[in-house]
Amino acid sequence: MKRIRVIPVLLIDTNGGLVKTIKFRKRTYIGDPINAVKIFNGKEVDELLILDIDASRDKREPNLPLITDIVSEAFIPVSYGGGVSNIYQMEQLFHAGIEKLYCGRWR
């Protein structure tokens, strides 16, 4: 039997808060991403995916201090997507502890 992998997706917005959305539009603030990571550490999920849902649209870089804080609390692999537009940003994210990157189109 195949093992099911559990990979929660944490959506963060411009303010760095964790949000729940309906079709990425109507947003509801649901808390601090660091607390969510601590909860998922205890649940022994397989991996976390962090998506900054505003970064690409706003054409801004990833929030590296927030991502570094989140990764420092995680005891599981962390992936990231949002606002990555060049190799230098990728390098910074990998040094922060991100293991996988999801990049949209390149500018």
Protein backbone atom coordinates (compact mmCIF):
# COMPACT_ATOMS: atom_id res chain seq x y z
CA MET A 1 0.00 0.00 0.00
CA LYS A 2 1.25 3.48 -0.83
CA ARG A 3 2.04 5.85 2.00
CA ILE A 4 0.07 9.09 1.92
CA ARG A 5 2.19 12.23 2.24
CA VAL A 6 0.78 15.16 4.17
CA ILE A 7 1.98 18.57 2.92
CA PRO A 8 0.10 21.54 4.39
CA VAL A 9 0.19 24.83 2.47
CA LEU A 10 0.56 28.01 4.53
CA LEU A 11 -0.59 31.16 2.75
CA ILE A 12 1.06 34.34 3.96
CA ASP A 13 0.12 37.85 2.89
CA THR A 14 1.97 41.16 2.64
CA ASN A 15 1.84 41.67 6.40
CA GLY A 16 3.36 38.25 7.07
CA GLY A 17 0.18 36.89 8.60
CA LEU A 18 -1.28 33.48 7.89
CA VAL A 19 -4.50 33.72 5.88
CA LYS A 20 -7.23 31.48 4.56
CA THR A 21 -8.66 32.47 1.20
CA ILE A 22 -11.51 31.73 -1.11
CA LYS A 23 -10.05 31.58 -4.63
CA PHE A 24 -7.13 33.72 -3.35
CA ARG A 25 -9.48 36.71 -2.99
CA LYS A 26 -11.57 36.90 0.16
CA ARG A 27 -9.05 36.61 2.99
CA THR A 28 -9.46 35.70 6.59
CA TYR A 29 -6.57 36.19 9.01
CA ILE A 30 -6.02 32.96 10.92
CA GLY A 31 -2.86 33.62 12.90
CA ASP A 32 0.88 33.69 13.07
CA PRO A 33 2.77 31.35 10.71
CA ILE A 34 5.34 30.50 13.41
CA ASN A 35 2.60 29.09 15.66
CA ALA A 36 1.24 27.06 12.73
CA VAL A 37 4.69 25.60 12.10
CA LYS A 38 4.94 24.56 15.76
CA ILE A 39 1.58 22.81 15.48
CA PHE A 40 2.59 20.98 12.30
CA ASN A 41 5.89 19.93 13.91
CA GLY A 42 3.84 18.13 16.54
CA LYS A 43 1.59 16.53 13.93
CA GLU A 44 4.64 15.10 12.13
CA VAL A 45 3.63 16.24 8.65
CA ASP A 46 5.96 15.31 5.79
CA GLU A 47 6.71 18.79 4.46
CA LEU A 48 5.45 22.40 4.63
CA LEU A 49 4.79 24.66 1.67
CA ILE A 50 4.81 28.41 2.29
CA LEU A 51 3.20 30.58 -0.38
CA ASP A 52 3.44 34.36 -0.28
CA ILE A 53 0.28 35.10 -2.24
CA ASP A 54 1.03 38.82 -2.72
CA ALA A 55 4.74 38.87 -3.57
CA SER A 56 4.55 38.06 -7.28
CA ARG A 57 1.54 40.27 -7.92
CA ASP A 58 3.13 43.19 -6.06
CA LYS A 59 6.48 42.51 -7.77
CA ARG A 60 8.33 42.40 -4.48
CA GLU A 61 11.02 40.10 -3.20
CA PRO A 62 10.38 37.28 -0.73
CA ASN A 63 10.19 38.37 2.92
CA LEU A 64 13.52 36.79 3.87
CA PRO A 65 13.47 37.66 7.62
CA LEU A 66 10.01 36.08 8.02
CA ILE A 67 10.98 33.02 6.00
CA THR A 68 14.16 32.58 8.05
CA ASP A 69 12.13 32.76 11.28
CA ILE A 70 9.64 30.20 9.99
CA VAL A 71 12.33 27.78 8.80
CA SER A 72 14.23 28.08 12.09
CA GLU A 73 11.14 26.73 13.91
CA ALA A 74 10.46 23.88 11.47
CA PHE A 75 11.77 20.38 12.05
CA ILE A 76 10.48 19.27 8.66
CA PRO A 77 11.41 20.19 5.06
CA VAL A 78 10.05 23.59 3.99
CA SER A 79 9.25 24.67 0.43
CA TYR A 80 8.54 28.24 -0.68
CA GLY A 81 6.81 30.05 -3.52
CA GLY A 82 6.12 33.69 -4.26
CA GLY A 83 8.12 36.63 -5.58
CA VAL A 84 11.21 34.67 -6.62
CA SER A 85 12.52 36.30 -9.77
CA ASN A 86 16.28 35.75 -9.90
CA ILE A 87 19.08 33.39 -8.96
CA TYR A 88 20.32 35.63 -6.13
CA GLN A 89 16.95 35.36 -4.36
CA MET A 90 17.03 31.59 -4.82
CA GLU A 91 20.47 31.44 -3.24
CA GLN A 92 19.30 33.51 -0.24
CA LEU A 93 16.29 31.25 0.26
CA PHE A 94 18.38 28.09 0.09
CA HIS A 95 20.80 29.56 2.65
CA ALA A 96 17.81 30.38 4.87
CA GLY A 97 16.91 26.67 4.89
CA ILE A 98 14.32 26.34 2.14
CA GLU A 99 14.66 22.98 0.41
CA LYS A 100 12.43 23.47 -2.64
CA LEU A 101 11.36 26.55 -4.57
CA TYR A 102 8.30 27.15 -6.70
CA CYS A 103 8.99 29.86 -9.25
CA GLY A 104 6.51 31.33 -11.66
CA ARG A 105 7.46 33.04 -14.86
CA TRP A 106 10.75 34.91 -14.99
CA ARG A 107 10.84 38.65 -15.59
